[in-house]
């Protein structure tokens, strides 16, 4: 087991296998009426600040899955919690539009009903010439 420190960004651009425990359409266990519009899971063997396995939101997979291999494209720094959340996409989607900060926030907008988002992505929108 490896402990992940809060604020650690060393995961960015690395590939992990995520076990999905809340697939698209699953009800949030603590917030009535909120359904996951994306797949959500954890990385076995990596322990986050809540002493549970590291959580990951999966973007770019539009059907419920049991697991996914993803590249971490952003870390959601949570000032109101003892852990951060990671955001991953399939390898073929790295550096595409889905990875821009504005699109990450749009995809994770359902979370705003219970926790604001402060994402730190490694991909920035290219400069307009």
N, C-alpha and C. Protein backbone atom coordinates (compact mmCIF):
# COMPACT_ATOMS: atom_id res chain seq x y z
N UNK A 1 0.84 -1.18 0.00
CA UNK A 1 0.00 0.00 0.00
C UNK A 1 0.89 1.25 0.00
N UNK A 2 0.52 2.19 -0.84
CA UNK A 2 1.25 3.44 -0.94
C UNK A 2 0.33 4.57 -0.52
N UNK A 3 0.78 5.40 0.40
CA UNK A 3 0.01 6.53 0.90
C UNK A 3 0.22 7.74 -0.02
N UNK A 4 -0.88 8.34 -0.47
CA UNK A 4 -0.85 9.53 -1.32
C UNK A 4 -1.05 10.75 -0.44
N UNK A 5 -0.14 11.69 -0.49
CA UNK A 5 -0.25 12.91 0.31
C UNK A 5 -1.19 13.90 -0.37
N UNK A 6 -1.95 14.61 0.41
CA UNK A 6 -2.86 15.63 -0.10
C UNK A 6 -2.04 16.67 -0.88
N UNK A 7 -2.53 17.06 -2.05
CA UNK A 7 -1.82 18.03 -2.87
C UNK A 7 -0.75 17.45 -3.76
N UNK A 8 -0.51 16.15 -3.69
CA UNK A 8 0.52 15.50 -4.51
C UNK A 8 0.06 15.44 -5.97
N UNK A 9 0.82 16.04 -6.86
CA UNK A 9 0.48 16.06 -8.28
C UNK A 9 1.34 15.12 -9.11
N UNK A 10 2.13 14.27 -8.45
CA UNK A 10 3.04 13.39 -9.19
C UNK A 10 2.30 12.34 -10.01
N UNK A 11 1.00 12.18 -9.79
CA UNK A 11 0.21 11.20 -10.54
C UNK A 11 -0.11 11.67 -11.96
N UNK A 12 0.00 12.97 -12.21
CA UNK A 12 -0.37 13.51 -13.50
C UNK A 12 0.43 12.88 -14.63
N UNK A 13 -0.27 12.51 -15.70
CA UNK A 13 0.28 11.89 -16.90
C UNK A 13 0.70 10.45 -16.69
N UNK A 14 0.37 9.85 -15.55
CA UNK A 14 0.68 8.43 -15.31
C UNK A 14 -0.56 7.59 -15.57
N UNK A 15 -0.34 6.33 -15.92
CA UNK A 15 -1.42 5.41 -16.25
C UNK A 15 -1.71 4.49 -15.06
N UNK A 16 -3.01 4.32 -14.77
CA UNK A 16 -3.46 3.47 -13.68
C UNK A 16 -4.67 2.65 -14.13
N UNK A 17 -4.87 1.51 -13.49
CA UNK A 17 -6.09 0.73 -13.67
C UNK A 17 -7.03 1.10 -12.53
N UNK A 18 -8.25 1.50 -12.90
CA UNK A 18 -9.25 1.94 -11.93
C UNK A 18 -10.35 0.89 -11.85
N UNK A 19 -10.68 0.47 -10.64
CA UNK A 19 -11.82 -0.40 -10.39
C UNK A 19 -13.04 0.50 -10.19
N UNK A 20 -14.08 0.30 -10.99
CA UNK A 20 -15.27 1.15 -10.93
C UNK A 20 -16.24 0.58 -9.90
N UNK A 21 -16.54 1.39 -8.87
CA UNK A 21 -17.54 0.95 -7.89
C UNK A 21 -18.82 1.77 -7.96
N UNK A 22 -18.79 2.86 -8.74
CA UNK A 22 -19.98 3.67 -8.99
C UNK A 22 -20.03 3.98 -10.50
N UNK A 23 -20.63 3.06 -11.27
CA UNK A 23 -20.69 3.27 -12.71
C UNK A 23 -21.70 4.35 -13.08
N UNK A 24 -21.66 4.76 -14.32
CA UNK A 24 -22.63 5.74 -14.83
C UNK A 24 -24.04 5.28 -14.43
N UNK A 25 -24.81 6.22 -13.87
CA UNK A 25 -26.18 5.94 -13.47
C UNK A 25 -26.35 5.50 -12.03
N UNK A 26 -25.24 5.20 -11.32
CA UNK A 26 -25.34 4.77 -9.93
C UNK A 26 -25.76 5.94 -9.04
N UNK A 27 -26.52 5.65 -7.99
CA UNK A 27 -26.94 6.66 -7.02
C UNK A 27 -25.77 6.97 -6.08
N UNK A 28 -25.63 8.25 -5.71
CA UNK A 28 -24.62 8.64 -4.73
C UNK A 28 -25.05 8.06 -3.39
N UNK A 29 -24.13 7.42 -2.64
CA UNK A 29 -24.52 6.76 -1.39
C UNK A 29 -24.91 7.72 -0.25
N UNK A 30 -24.51 8.98 -0.32
CA UNK A 30 -24.81 9.91 0.77
C UNK A 30 -25.71 11.07 0.38
N UNK A 31 -25.93 11.28 -0.91
CA UNK A 31 -26.69 12.44 -1.38
C UNK A 31 -27.85 11.96 -2.25
N UNK A 32 -29.05 11.95 -1.69
CA UNK A 32 -30.24 11.48 -2.40
C UNK A 32 -30.46 12.26 -3.69
N UNK A 33 -30.87 11.55 -4.71
CA UNK A 33 -31.23 12.18 -5.97
C UNK A 33 -30.07 12.48 -6.89
N UNK A 34 -28.84 12.24 -6.46
CA UNK A 34 -27.68 12.49 -7.32
C UNK A 34 -27.24 11.17 -7.93
N UNK A 35 -27.24 11.13 -9.26
CA UNK A 35 -26.76 9.96 -9.99
C UNK A 35 -25.46 10.31 -10.68
N UNK A 36 -24.57 9.37 -10.74
CA UNK A 36 -23.27 9.59 -11.37
C UNK A 36 -23.44 9.61 -12.89
N UNK A 37 -23.10 10.74 -13.54
CA UNK A 37 -23.16 10.81 -15.00
C UNK A 37 -21.87 10.28 -15.65
N UNK A 38 -20.90 9.93 -14.82
CA UNK A 38 -19.62 9.40 -15.28
C UNK A 38 -19.26 8.20 -14.43
N UNK A 39 -18.30 7.41 -14.87
CA UNK A 39 -17.81 6.29 -14.07
C UNK A 39 -16.87 6.83 -12.99
N UNK A 40 -16.94 6.21 -11.81
CA UNK A 40 -16.17 6.65 -10.64
C UNK A 40 -15.66 5.41 -9.92
N UNK A 41 -14.39 5.43 -9.55
CA UNK A 41 -13.85 4.25 -8.88
C UNK A 41 -12.61 4.58 -8.09
N UNK A 42 -11.76 3.58 -7.92
CA UNK A 42 -10.59 3.71 -7.06
C UNK A 42 -9.42 2.92 -7.63
N UNK A 43 -8.22 3.25 -7.14
CA UNK A 43 -7.00 2.56 -7.53
C UNK A 43 -6.56 1.69 -6.37
N UNK A 44 -6.56 0.40 -6.59
CA UNK A 44 -6.15 -0.54 -5.54
C UNK A 44 -4.69 -0.30 -5.17
N UNK A 45 -4.41 -0.28 -3.88
CA UNK A 45 -3.05 -0.16 -3.38
C UNK A 45 -2.55 1.25 -3.16
N UNK A 46 -3.31 2.26 -3.61
CA UNK A 46 -2.95 3.65 -3.35
C UNK A 46 -3.93 4.21 -2.32
N UNK A 47 -3.43 4.62 -1.17
CA UNK A 47 -4.28 5.07 -0.07
C UNK A 47 -4.28 6.60 0.00
N UNK A 48 -5.48 7.17 -0.06
CA UNK A 48 -5.65 8.62 -0.01
C UNK A 48 -5.74 9.10 1.44
N UNK A 49 -5.95 10.40 1.61
CA UNK A 49 -6.00 11.02 2.94
C UNK A 49 -7.12 10.54 3.83
N UNK A 50 -8.16 9.94 3.26
CA UNK A 50 -9.27 9.41 4.07
C UNK A 50 -9.01 7.96 4.49
N UNK A 51 -7.79 7.46 4.23
CA UNK A 51 -7.38 6.09 4.53
C UNK A 51 -8.17 5.05 3.74
N UNK A 52 -8.74 5.47 2.63
CA UNK A 52 -9.39 4.58 1.67
C UNK A 52 -8.58 4.67 0.38
N UNK A 53 -8.86 3.77 -0.55
CA UNK A 53 -8.13 3.79 -1.81
C UNK A 53 -8.44 5.06 -2.61
N UNK A 54 -7.45 5.52 -3.37
CA UNK A 54 -7.54 6.77 -4.12
C UNK A 54 -8.70 6.76 -5.10
N UNK A 55 -9.56 7.79 -5.03
CA UNK A 55 -10.72 7.91 -5.90
C UNK A 55 -10.36 8.56 -7.23
N UNK A 56 -11.05 8.11 -8.29
CA UNK A 56 -10.80 8.63 -9.64
C UNK A 56 -12.13 8.79 -10.38
N UNK A 57 -12.33 9.97 -10.97
CA UNK A 57 -13.43 10.19 -11.91
C UNK A 57 -12.92 9.85 -13.29
N UNK A 58 -13.72 9.11 -14.07
CA UNK A 58 -13.32 8.70 -15.40
C UNK A 58 -14.12 9.50 -16.43
N UNK A 59 -13.44 10.24 -17.27
CA UNK A 59 -14.08 10.97 -18.36
C UNK A 59 -13.79 10.24 -19.67
N UNK A 60 -14.69 10.38 -20.63
CA UNK A 60 -14.45 9.83 -21.97
C UNK A 60 -14.89 8.40 -22.17
N UNK A 61 -15.50 7.78 -21.18
CA UNK A 61 -16.10 6.45 -21.34
C UNK A 61 -17.58 6.64 -21.03
N UNK A 62 -18.42 6.49 -22.04
CA UNK A 62 -19.82 6.88 -21.92
C UNK A 62 -20.78 5.75 -21.57
N UNK A 63 -20.25 4.60 -21.22
CA UNK A 63 -21.09 3.48 -20.79
C UNK A 63 -20.57 2.97 -19.45
N UNK A 64 -21.42 2.33 -18.64
CA UNK A 64 -20.94 1.76 -17.37
C UNK A 64 -19.90 0.67 -17.63
N UNK A 65 -18.81 0.70 -16.86
CA UNK A 65 -17.76 -0.32 -16.98
C UNK A 65 -17.37 -0.81 -15.59
N UNK A 66 -16.69 -1.93 -15.53
CA UNK A 66 -16.23 -2.49 -14.25
C UNK A 66 -14.83 -2.02 -13.90
N UNK A 67 -14.02 -1.74 -14.93
CA UNK A 67 -12.66 -1.23 -14.71
C UNK A 67 -12.23 -0.48 -15.96
N UNK A 68 -11.18 0.33 -15.80
CA UNK A 68 -10.68 1.10 -16.93
C UNK A 68 -9.22 1.45 -16.70
N UNK A 69 -8.44 1.41 -17.77
CA UNK A 69 -7.06 1.89 -17.72
C UNK A 69 -7.08 3.33 -18.20
N UNK A 70 -6.60 4.23 -17.35
CA UNK A 70 -6.68 5.65 -17.66
C UNK A 70 -5.36 6.35 -17.36
N UNK A 71 -5.21 7.51 -18.00
CA UNK A 71 -4.11 8.43 -17.70
C UNK A 71 -4.70 9.54 -16.84
N UNK A 72 -4.05 9.87 -15.75
CA UNK A 72 -4.54 10.93 -14.87
C UNK A 72 -4.24 12.28 -15.51
N UNK A 73 -5.31 13.07 -15.72
CA UNK A 73 -5.16 14.37 -16.40
C UNK A 73 -5.38 15.55 -15.47
N UNK A 74 -5.93 15.31 -14.28
CA UNK A 74 -6.18 16.42 -13.35
C UNK A 74 -6.31 15.88 -11.94
N UNK A 75 -6.03 16.77 -10.99
CA UNK A 75 -6.25 16.47 -9.57
C UNK A 75 -7.21 17.54 -9.04
N UNK A 76 -8.27 17.11 -8.41
CA UNK A 76 -9.22 18.04 -7.81
C UNK A 76 -8.76 18.26 -6.37
N UNK A 77 -8.24 19.45 -6.11
CA UNK A 77 -7.72 19.79 -4.79
C UNK A 77 -8.89 20.22 -3.91
N UNK A 78 -9.19 19.44 -2.90
CA UNK A 78 -10.36 19.68 -2.08
C UNK A 78 -9.95 20.30 -0.75
N UNK A 79 -10.26 21.58 -0.59
CA UNK A 79 -9.89 22.28 0.65
C UNK A 79 -10.80 21.90 1.80
N UNK A 80 -11.96 21.31 1.51
CA UNK A 80 -12.93 20.96 2.55
C UNK A 80 -12.86 19.49 2.94
N UNK A 81 -11.80 18.80 2.53
CA UNK A 81 -11.72 17.36 2.76
C UNK A 81 -10.26 16.97 3.00
N UNK A 82 -10.05 15.76 3.51
CA UNK A 82 -8.70 15.29 3.77
C UNK A 82 -8.11 14.50 2.61
N UNK A 83 -8.81 14.51 1.47
CA UNK A 83 -8.31 13.81 0.29
C UNK A 83 -8.58 14.64 -0.96
N UNK A 84 -7.84 14.36 -2.01
CA UNK A 84 -8.07 14.95 -3.31
C UNK A 84 -8.66 13.87 -4.21
N UNK A 85 -9.32 14.28 -5.27
CA UNK A 85 -9.85 13.34 -6.25
C UNK A 85 -9.03 13.47 -7.52
N UNK A 86 -8.85 12.35 -8.21
CA UNK A 86 -8.14 12.36 -9.47
C UNK A 86 -9.13 12.24 -10.61
N UNK A 87 -8.73 12.73 -11.80
CA UNK A 87 -9.54 12.64 -13.01
C UNK A 87 -8.70 11.93 -14.07
N UNK A 88 -9.28 10.91 -14.68
CA UNK A 88 -8.56 10.15 -15.69
C UNK A 88 -9.34 9.99 -16.98
N UNK A 89 -8.62 9.77 -18.06
CA UNK A 89 -9.22 9.50 -19.37
C UNK A 89 -8.47 8.34 -20.02
N UNK A 90 -9.13 7.63 -20.96
CA UNK A 90 -8.39 6.62 -21.72
C UNK A 90 -7.21 7.27 -22.47
N UNK A 91 -6.17 6.51 -22.66
CA UNK A 91 -4.93 7.01 -23.26
C UNK A 91 -5.17 7.76 -24.57
N UNK A 92 -6.10 7.26 -25.39
CA UNK A 92 -6.32 7.88 -26.70
C UNK A 92 -6.97 9.26 -26.61
N UNK A 93 -7.47 9.64 -25.42
CA UNK A 93 -8.10 10.95 -25.25
C UNK A 93 -7.18 11.98 -24.59
N UNK A 94 -5.98 11.57 -24.20
CA UNK A 94 -5.05 12.51 -23.59
C UNK A 94 -4.73 13.62 -24.59
N UNK A 95 -4.74 14.86 -24.09
CA UNK A 95 -4.45 16.07 -24.86
C UNK A 95 -5.51 16.38 -25.92
N UNK A 96 -6.72 15.86 -25.73
CA UNK A 96 -7.84 16.24 -26.58
C UNK A 96 -8.67 17.27 -25.82
N UNK A 97 -9.72 17.77 -26.46
CA UNK A 97 -10.55 18.81 -25.85
C UNK A 97 -11.11 18.42 -24.48
N UNK A 98 -11.38 17.16 -24.25
CA UNK A 98 -11.95 16.73 -22.97
C UNK A 98 -11.01 17.05 -21.81
N UNK A 99 -9.72 17.22 -22.08
CA UNK A 99 -8.73 17.45 -21.04
C UNK A 99 -8.56 18.92 -20.65
N UNK A 100 -9.19 19.84 -21.37
CA UNK A 100 -9.10 21.24 -20.99
C UNK A 100 -9.81 21.46 -19.67
N UNK A 101 -9.28 22.35 -18.87
CA UNK A 101 -9.84 22.61 -17.54
C UNK A 101 -11.34 22.91 -17.58
N UNK A 102 -11.77 23.72 -18.53
CA UNK A 102 -13.20 24.07 -18.61
C UNK A 102 -14.06 22.84 -18.88
N UNK A 103 -13.57 21.91 -19.68
CA UNK A 103 -14.34 20.70 -19.98
C UNK A 103 -14.32 19.71 -18.82
N UNK A 104 -13.23 19.67 -18.08
CA UNK A 104 -13.19 18.83 -16.88
C UNK A 104 -14.24 19.32 -15.90
N UNK A 105 -14.26 20.64 -15.66
CA UNK A 105 -15.24 21.20 -14.72
C UNK A 105 -16.66 20.96 -15.21
N UNK A 106 -16.90 21.08 -16.51
CA UNK A 106 -18.23 20.84 -17.05
C UNK A 106 -18.66 19.40 -16.82
N UNK A 107 -17.77 18.45 -17.06
CA UNK A 107 -18.08 17.03 -16.87
C UNK A 107 -18.36 16.71 -15.41
N UNK A 108 -17.67 17.40 -14.51
CA UNK A 108 -17.82 17.11 -13.08
C UNK A 108 -18.80 18.06 -12.40
N UNK A 109 -19.55 18.82 -13.17
CA UNK A 109 -20.47 19.81 -12.64
C UNK A 109 -21.48 19.22 -11.65
N UNK A 110 -21.86 17.95 -11.81
CA UNK A 110 -22.82 17.34 -10.88
C UNK A 110 -22.32 17.38 -9.44
N UNK A 111 -21.02 17.45 -9.24
CA UNK A 111 -20.44 17.51 -7.89
C UNK A 111 -20.70 18.84 -7.22
N UNK A 112 -20.92 19.90 -8.00
CA UNK A 112 -21.13 21.22 -7.42
C UNK A 112 -22.31 21.26 -6.47
N UNK A 113 -23.23 20.31 -6.60
CA UNK A 113 -24.37 20.30 -5.71
C UNK A 113 -23.97 19.91 -4.28
N UNK A 114 -22.77 19.34 -4.11
CA UNK A 114 -22.33 19.03 -2.74
C UNK A 114 -20.89 19.39 -2.44
N UNK A 115 -20.03 19.66 -3.43
CA UNK A 115 -18.65 20.09 -3.20
C UNK A 115 -18.16 20.89 -4.40
N UNK A 116 -17.65 22.11 -4.19
CA UNK A 116 -17.10 22.88 -5.33
C UNK A 116 -15.86 22.20 -5.92
N UNK A 117 -15.57 22.52 -7.15
CA UNK A 117 -14.45 21.91 -7.86
C UNK A 117 -13.30 22.91 -8.00
N UNK A 118 -12.08 22.44 -7.70
CA UNK A 118 -10.86 23.21 -7.93
C UNK A 118 -9.88 22.27 -8.60
N UNK A 119 -10.00 22.12 -9.93
CA UNK A 119 -9.20 21.15 -10.67
C UNK A 119 -7.86 21.74 -11.09
N UNK A 120 -6.82 20.95 -11.02
CA UNK A 120 -5.49 21.33 -11.49
C UNK A 120 -5.08 20.35 -12.59
N UNK A 121 -5.42 20.67 -13.87
CA UNK A 121 -5.06 19.77 -14.96
C UNK A 121 -3.65 20.02 -15.46
N UNK A 122 -3.10 19.04 -16.19
CA UNK A 122 -1.79 19.26 -16.79
C UNK A 122 -1.93 19.76 -18.21
N UNK A 123 -3.11 19.69 -18.80
CA UNK A 123 -3.33 20.16 -20.16
C UNK A 123 -4.03 21.49 -20.13
N UNK A 124 -3.46 22.47 -20.76
CA UNK A 124 -4.05 23.81 -20.85
C UNK A 124 -4.54 24.04 -22.27
N UNK A 125 -5.53 24.90 -22.40
CA UNK A 125 -6.04 25.25 -23.73
C UNK A 125 -4.92 25.95 -24.50
N UNK A 126 -4.68 25.53 -25.76
CA UNK A 126 -3.61 26.16 -26.53
C UNK A 126 -3.88 27.65 -26.76
N UNK A 127 -2.83 28.41 -26.89
CA UNK A 127 -2.97 29.85 -27.15
C UNK A 127 -3.57 30.07 -28.51
N UNK A 128 -4.43 31.05 -28.61
CA UNK A 128 -5.05 31.40 -29.90
C UNK A 128 -4.14 32.40 -30.60
N UNK A 129 -3.87 32.16 -31.87
CA UNK A 129 -2.99 33.04 -32.63
C UNK A 129 -3.78 33.91 -33.55
